[in-house]
Amino acid sequence: MAALTATVTAQSFSGALYLGISGCQVDGDTQGGYHKPGIRAGFTVSSPVDKTIAVESGLLFSSKGAVKKTQGYTEFKTKLNYVELPVIVKYHFTEKLGAELGLCYNHIISSKIIEETGAETDNPDYIRKYDIDGLAGFRYYLSPKFEIVASFEYSITKIVTDPEMPYWRNNIISLSIVRRFAFSSSKK
């Protein structure tokens, strides 16, 4: 008579809702400064590797771009809206503090350029359809359910396709509040 045993493995996951604000600029467009406000919102799923390391991915909406104003008048504006797919490795230093490093694949969903002359161009063909960014940040854990994330994101790829144009790159600093939801799944 053989005994059968079932092995149960459990994986712990947590979901999170993100809502954040950002300061954006496009390096290479001669319009320096984080003057373009943006938002970052969406959801992620995180899975621990061990007690101090976790991997996170998700789907976020992110508005980026640049703006130059003189005496309250907008001279130049780049509006870039992306759907982001981040892959982030998170590290817990202490119970309250952590850091993260990762990559973000960004797919553009809309773009608009407003020139110094006031001419507007929707979805210009020289804006690349995707962008890959490096991401680094810090997390402050307010509680098991709430986190504050401060991050810096920078384009690895240039965001324009025209070889005659300068090497435009997204450059973003952001501050987000995260609401985490814990759940587990079991496999027999």
C-alpha atoms as a PDB file:
ATOM      1  CA  MET A   1       0.000   0.000   0.000  1.00  0.00           C
ATOM      2  CA  ALA A   2       1.526   3.245  -1.108  1.00  0.00           C
ATOM      3  CA  ALA A   3       0.949   6.481   0.640  1.00  0.00           C
ATOM      4  CA  LEU A   4       0.255   9.507  -1.458  1.00  0.00           C
ATOM      5  CA  THR A   5       1.213  12.900  -0.177  1.00  0.00           C
ATOM      6  CA  ALA A   6       0.235  16.179  -1.636  1.00  0.00           C
ATOM      7  CA  THR A   7       2.729  18.961  -1.519  1.00  0.00           C
ATOM      8  CA  VAL A   8       1.248  22.375  -1.139  1.00  0.00           C
ATOM      9  CA  THR A   9       3.277  25.356  -2.200  1.00  0.00           C
ATOM     10  CA  ALA A  10       2.055  28.824  -1.563  1.00  0.00           C
ATOM     11  CA  GLN A  11       3.147  31.973  -3.281  1.00  0.00           C
ATOM     12  CA  SER A  12       2.391  35.306  -1.702  1.00  0.00           C
ATOM     13  CA  PHE A  13       1.493  38.209  -3.947  1.00  0.00           C
ATOM     14  CA  SER A  14       0.338  41.720  -3.295  1.00  0.00           C
ATOM     15  CA  GLY A  15      -1.403  44.129  -5.591  1.00  0.00           C
ATOM     16  CA  ALA A  16      -1.075  47.892  -5.420  1.00  0.00           C
ATOM     17  CA  LEU A  17      -2.786  51.000  -6.726  1.00  0.00           C
ATOM     18  CA  TYR A  18      -0.453  53.882  -7.643  1.00  0.00           C
ATOM     19  CA  LEU A  19      -1.288  57.569  -7.787  1.00  0.00           C
ATOM     20  CA  GLY A  20       1.496  60.087  -8.228  1.00  0.00           C
ATOM     21  CA  ILE A  21       2.628  63.433  -9.534  1.00  0.00           C
ATOM     22  CA  SER A  22       5.778  64.160 -11.479  1.00  0.00           C
ATOM     23  CA  GLY A  23       7.997  66.898 -12.763  1.00  0.00           C
ATOM     24  CA  CYS A  24       9.079  66.235 -16.341  1.00  0.00           C
ATOM     25  CA  GLN A  25      11.545  67.521 -18.878  1.00  0.00           C
ATOM     26  CA  VAL A  26      12.887  66.304 -22.197  1.00  0.00           C
ATOM     27  CA  ASP A  27      16.685  66.382 -22.274  1.00  0.00           C
ATOM     28  CA  GLY A  28      18.063  67.516 -25.629  1.00  0.00           C
ATOM     29  CA  ASP A  29      15.177  69.823 -26.581  1.00  0.00           C
ATOM     30  CA  THR A  30      16.866  72.963 -25.102  1.00  0.00           C
ATOM     31  CA  GLN A  31      13.894  73.495 -22.717  1.00  0.00           C
ATOM     32  CA  GLY A  32      15.585  72.659 -19.408  1.00  0.00           C
ATOM     33  CA  GLY A  33      13.831  72.358 -16.049  1.00  0.00           C
ATOM     34  CA  TYR A  34      11.175  70.095 -14.572  1.00  0.00           C
ATOM     35  CA  HIS A  35       8.403  72.526 -15.541  1.00  0.00           C
ATOM     36  CA  LYS A  36       5.942  70.040 -17.115  1.00  0.00           C
ATOM     37  CA  PRO A  37       3.677  68.532 -14.461  1.00  0.00           C
ATOM     38  CA  GLY A  38       2.574  64.969 -15.023  1.00  0.00           C
ATOM     39  CA  ILE A  39       0.698  62.117 -13.424  1.00  0.00           C
ATOM     40  CA  ARG A  40       1.500  58.459 -12.890  1.00  0.00           C
ATOM     41  CA  ALA A  41      -1.361  56.114 -12.042  1.00  0.00           C
ATOM     42  CA  GLY A  42      -2.193  52.444 -12.348  1.00  0.00           C
ATOM     43  CA  PHE A  43      -1.729  49.099 -10.655  1.00  0.00           C
ATOM     44  CA  THR A  44       1.110  46.682  -9.951  1.00  0.00           C
ATOM     45  CA  VAL A  45       1.637  43.173  -8.595  1.00  0.00           C
ATOM     46  CA  SER A  46       4.559  42.312  -6.341  1.00  0.00           C
ATOM     47  CA  SER A  47       6.000  38.940  -5.308  1.00  0.00           C
ATOM     48  CA  PRO A  48       8.696  38.417  -2.671  1.00  0.00           C
ATOM     49  CA  VAL A  49      11.895  36.592  -3.580  1.00  0.00           C
ATOM     50  CA  ASP A  50      12.969  36.451   0.075  1.00  0.00           C
ATOM     51  CA  LYS A  51      12.444  38.567   3.219  1.00  0.00           C
ATOM     52  CA  THR A  52      14.241  41.628   1.821  1.00  0.00           C
ATOM     53  CA  ILE A  53      13.839  41.384  -1.977  1.00  0.00           C
ATOM     54  CA  ALA A  54      10.669  41.504  -4.101  1.00  0.00           C
ATOM     55  CA  VAL A  55       9.923  41.810  -7.817  1.00  0.00           C
ATOM     56  CA  GLU A  56       7.149  44.117  -9.024  1.00  0.00           C
ATOM     57  CA  SER A  57       5.475  44.683 -12.379  1.00  0.00           C
ATOM     58  CA  GLY A  58       2.244  46.250 -13.534  1.00  0.00           C
ATOM     59  CA  LEU A  59       0.497  48.627 -15.873  1.00  0.00           C
ATOM     60  CA  LEU A  60       0.662  52.399 -15.383  1.00  0.00           C
ATOM     61  CA  PHE A  61      -0.427  55.527 -17.233  1.00  0.00           C
ATOM     62  CA  SER A  62       2.244  58.211 -17.286  1.00  0.00           C
ATOM     63  CA  SER A  63       2.169  61.725 -18.732  1.00  0.00           C
ATOM     64  CA  LYS A  64       5.554  63.176 -19.640  1.00  0.00           C
ATOM     65  CA  GLY A  65       6.998  65.963 -21.743  1.00  0.00           C
ATOM     66  CA  ALA A  66       8.383  69.474 -21.434  1.00  0.00           C
ATOM     67  CA  VAL A  67       7.179  73.056 -21.320  1.00  0.00           C
ATOM     68  CA  LYS A  68       8.860  76.442 -21.640  1.00  0.00           C
ATOM     69  CA  LYS A  69       7.025  79.521 -20.363  1.00  0.00           C
ATOM     70  CA  THR A  70       8.105  83.132 -20.498  1.00  0.00           C
ATOM     71  CA  GLN A  71       6.139  85.726 -18.518  1.00  0.00           C
ATOM     72  CA  GLY A  72       3.240  83.267 -18.172  1.00  0.00           C
ATOM     73  CA  TYR A  73       3.061  82.588 -21.920  1.00  0.00           C
ATOM     74  CA  THR A  74       3.700  79.037 -23.163  1.00  0.00           C
ATOM     75  CA  GLU A  75       6.379  79.195 -25.854  1.00  0.00           C
ATOM     76  CA  PHE A  76       6.958  75.504 -26.381  1.00  0.00           C
ATOM     77  CA  LYS A  77       5.273  72.350 -25.083  1.00  0.00           C
ATOM     78  CA  THR A  78       5.733  68.622 -25.582  1.00  0.00           C
ATOM     79  CA  LYS A  79       2.929  66.399 -24.239  1.00  0.00           C
ATOM     80  CA  LEU A  80       3.670  62.662 -24.219  1.00  0.00           C
ATOM     81  CA  ASN A  81       1.224  60.118 -22.758  1.00  0.00           C
ATOM     82  CA  TYR A  82       2.419  56.560 -22.238  1.00  0.00           C
ATOM     83  CA  VAL A  83       1.236  53.202 -20.989  1.00  0.00           C
ATOM     84  CA  GLU A  84       4.118  51.843 -18.892  1.00  0.00           C
ATOM     85  CA  LEU A  85       5.102  48.279 -18.092  1.00  0.00           C
ATOM     86  CA  PRO A  86       7.679  48.463 -15.273  1.00  0.00           C
ATOM     87  CA  VAL A  87       9.794  45.567 -14.009  1.00  0.00           C
ATOM     88  CA  ILE A  88      11.263  46.573 -10.661  1.00  0.00           C
ATOM     89  CA  VAL A  89      13.439  44.851  -8.054  1.00  0.00           C
ATOM     90  CA  LYS A  90      12.685  46.205  -4.570  1.00  0.00           C
ATOM     91  CA  TYR A  91      14.998  45.891  -1.559  1.00  0.00           C
ATOM     92  CA  HIS A  92      13.941  46.443   2.094  1.00  0.00           C
ATOM     93  CA  PHE A  93      16.705  48.099   4.131  1.00  0.00           C
ATOM     94  CA  THR A  94      14.596  48.369   7.267  1.00  0.00           C
ATOM     95  CA  GLU A  95      10.954  47.922   8.196  1.00  0.00           C
ATOM     96  CA  LYS A  96      10.248  51.494   7.044  1.00  0.00           C
ATOM     97  CA  LEU A  97      12.753  52.125   4.224  1.00  0.00           C
ATOM     98  CA  GLY A  98      13.486  50.460   0.890  1.00  0.00           C
ATOM     99  CA  ALA A  99      15.028  51.119  -2.512  1.00  0.00           C
ATOM    100  CA  GLU A 100      14.225  49.984  -6.033  1.00  0.00           C
ATOM    101  CA  LEU A 101      15.864  49.601  -9.436  1.00  0.00           C
ATOM    102  CA  GLY A 102      14.207  48.635 -12.672  1.00  0.00           C
ATOM    103  CA  LEU A 103      13.329  49.102 -16.298  1.00  0.00           C
ATOM    104  CA  CYS A 104      10.164  50.532 -17.808  1.00  0.00           C
ATOM    105  CA  TYR A 105       8.828  49.767 -21.265  1.00  0.00           C
ATOM    106  CA  ASN A 106       6.714  52.763 -22.346  1.00  0.00           C
ATOM    107  CA  HIS A 107       4.297  52.622 -25.277  1.00  0.00           C
ATOM    108  CA  ILE A 108       3.086  56.004 -26.467  1.00  0.00           C
ATOM    109  CA  ILE A 109      -0.686  56.467 -26.680  1.00  0.00           C
ATOM    110  CA  SER A 110      -0.746  60.148 -27.653  1.00  0.00           C
ATOM    111  CA  SER A 111       1.625  63.038 -28.236  1.00  0.00           C
ATOM    112  CA  LYS A 112       1.364  66.729 -29.046  1.00  0.00           C
ATOM    113  CA  ILE A 113       3.982  69.357 -29.844  1.00  0.00           C
ATOM    114  CA  ILE A 114       3.171  73.065 -29.534  1.00  0.00           C
ATOM    115  CA  GLU A 115       5.856  75.115 -31.309  1.00  0.00           C
ATOM    116  CA  GLU A 116       7.048  78.627 -30.430  1.00  0.00           C
ATOM    117  CA  THR A 117       4.834  79.922 -33.261  1.00  0.00           C
ATOM    118  CA  GLY A 118       1.766  78.412 -31.576  1.00  0.00           C
ATOM    119  CA  ALA A 119       1.384  75.709 -34.236  1.00  0.00           C
ATOM    120  CA  GLU A 120       0.146  72.395 -32.790  1.00  0.00           C
ATOM    121  CA  THR A 121       1.029  68.967 -34.133  1.00  0.00           C
ATOM    122  CA  ASP A 122      -0.874  65.944 -32.820  1.00  0.00           C
ATOM    123  CA  ASN A 123       1.022  62.628 -32.845  1.00  0.00           C
ATOM    124  CA  PRO A 124       4.044  63.816 -34.871  1.00  0.00           C
ATOM    125  CA  ASP A 125       5.611  60.990 -36.856  1.00  0.00           C
ATOM    126  CA  TYR A 126       9.103  61.664 -35.460  1.00  0.00           C
ATOM    127  CA  ILE A 127       8.087  60.691 -31.902  1.00  0.00           C
ATOM    128  CA  ARG A 128       9.112  57.071 -31.314  1.00  0.00           C
ATOM    129  CA  LYS A 129       6.229  54.709 -30.487  1.00  0.00           C
ATOM    130  CA  TYR A 130       8.098  53.239 -27.515  1.00  0.00           C
ATOM    131  CA  ASP A 131      10.659  54.281 -24.945  1.00  0.00           C
ATOM    132  CA  ILE A 132      12.722  52.192 -22.525  1.00  0.00           C
ATOM    133  CA  ASP A 133      13.631  53.901 -19.271  1.00  0.00           C
ATOM    134  CA  GLY A 134      15.838  53.082 -16.327  1.00  0.00           C
ATOM    135  CA  LEU A 135      14.220  53.668 -12.946  1.00  0.00           C
ATOM    136  CA  ALA A 136      15.623  54.168  -9.434  1.00  0.00           C
ATOM    137  CA  GLY A 137      13.800  55.138  -6.295  1.00  0.00           C
ATOM    138  CA  PHE A 138      13.199  54.978  -2.566  1.00  0.00           C
ATOM    139  CA  ARG A 139      10.170  53.701  -0.689  1.00  0.00           C
ATOM    140  CA  TYR A 140       8.949  54.769   2.700  1.00  0.00           C
ATOM    141  CA  TYR A 141       6.550  52.241   4.250  1.00  0.00           C
ATOM    142  CA  LEU A 142       3.933  54.141   6.245  1.00  0.00           C
ATOM    143  CA  SER A 143       2.161  50.884   7.137  1.00  0.00           C
ATOM    144  CA  PRO A 144       1.681  47.430   5.583  1.00  0.00           C
ATOM    145  CA  LYS A 145      -0.971  48.994   3.327  1.00  0.00           C
ATOM    146  CA  PHE A 146       0.497  52.406   2.408  1.00  0.00           C
ATOM    147  CA  GLU A 147       3.821  53.441   0.874  1.00  0.00           C
ATOM    148  CA  ILE A 148       5.343  56.636  -0.474  1.00  0.00           C
ATOM    149  CA  VAL A 149       7.609  56.196  -3.501  1.00  0.00           C
ATOM    150  CA  ALA A 150      10.071  58.838  -4.712  1.00  0.00           C
ATOM    151  CA  SER A 151      11.635  57.887  -8.037  1.00  0.00           C
ATOM    152  CA  PHE A 152      13.791  59.065 -10.905  1.00  0.00           C
ATOM    153  CA  GLU A 153      13.204  57.754 -14.441  1.00  0.00           C
ATOM    154  CA  TYR A 154      15.431  58.405 -17.459  1.00  0.00           C
ATOM    155  CA  SER A 155      15.234  57.259 -21.097  1.00  0.00           C
ATOM    156  CA  ILE A 156      17.755  54.667 -22.229  1.00  0.00           C
ATOM    157  CA  THR A 157      16.468  55.016 -25.800  1.00  0.00           C
ATOM    158  CA  LYS A 158      15.976  58.356 -27.515  1.00  0.00           C
ATOM    159  CA  ILE A 159      12.311  59.303 -27.937  1.00  0.00           C
ATOM    160  CA  VAL A 160      12.553  60.621 -31.509  1.00  0.00           C
ATOM    161  CA  THR A 161      13.171  58.647 -34.705  1.00  0.00           C
ATOM    162  CA  ASP A 162      14.614  61.393 -36.906  1.00  0.00           C
ATOM    163  CA  PRO A 163      18.448  61.053 -36.951  1.00  0.00           C
ATOM    164  CA  GLU A 164      18.759  64.800 -37.709  1.00  0.00           C
ATOM    165  CA  MET A 165      16.983  65.756 -34.457  1.00  0.00           C
ATOM    166  CA  PRO A 166      18.765  66.094 -31.122  1.00  0.00           C
ATOM    167  CA  TYR A 167      18.806  63.050 -28.863  1.00  0.00           C
ATOM    168  CA  TRP A 168      15.627  63.764 -26.892  1.00  0.00           C
ATOM    169  CA  ARG A 169      15.241  61.701 -23.719  1.00  0.00           C
ATOM    170  CA  ASN A 170      12.528  61.681 -21.049  1.00  0.00           C
ATOM    171  CA  ASN A 171      13.726  62.804 -17.615  1.00  0.00           C
ATOM    172  CA  ILE A 172      11.188  62.460 -14.789  1.00  0.00           C
ATOM    173  CA  ILE A 173      11.125  62.825 -11.017  1.00  0.00           C
ATOM    174  CA  SER A 174       7.967  61.590  -9.306  1.00  0.00           C
ATOM    175  CA  LEU A 175       6.313  61.170  -5.940  1.00  0.00           C
ATOM    176  CA  SER A 176       3.570  58.556  -5.560  1.00  0.00           C
ATOM    177  CA  ILE A 177       1.303  57.165  -2.869  1.00  0.00           C
ATOM    178  CA  VAL A 178       0.772  53.420  -3.069  1.00  0.00           C
ATOM    179  CA  ARG A 179      -2.142  51.470  -1.557  1.00  0.00           C
ATOM    180  CA  ARG A 180      -1.188  47.793  -1.230  1.00  0.00           C
ATOM    181  CA  PHE A 181      -3.615  44.840  -1.145  1.00  0.00           C
ATOM    182  CA  ALA A 182      -2.269  41.475   0.047  1.00  0.00           C
ATOM    183  CA  PHE A 183      -3.482  38.168  -1.374  1.00  0.00           C
ATOM    184  CA  SER A 184      -2.085  34.647  -1.785  1.00  0.00           C
ATOM    185  CA  SER A 185      -2.553  31.767  -4.150  1.00  0.00           C
ATOM    186  CA  SER A 186      -1.974  28.103  -3.354  1.00  0.00           C
ATOM    187  CA  LYS A 187      -1.164  25.218  -5.664  1.00  0.00           C
ATOM    188  CA  LYS A 188      -1.584  21.546  -4.832  1.00  0.00           C
END
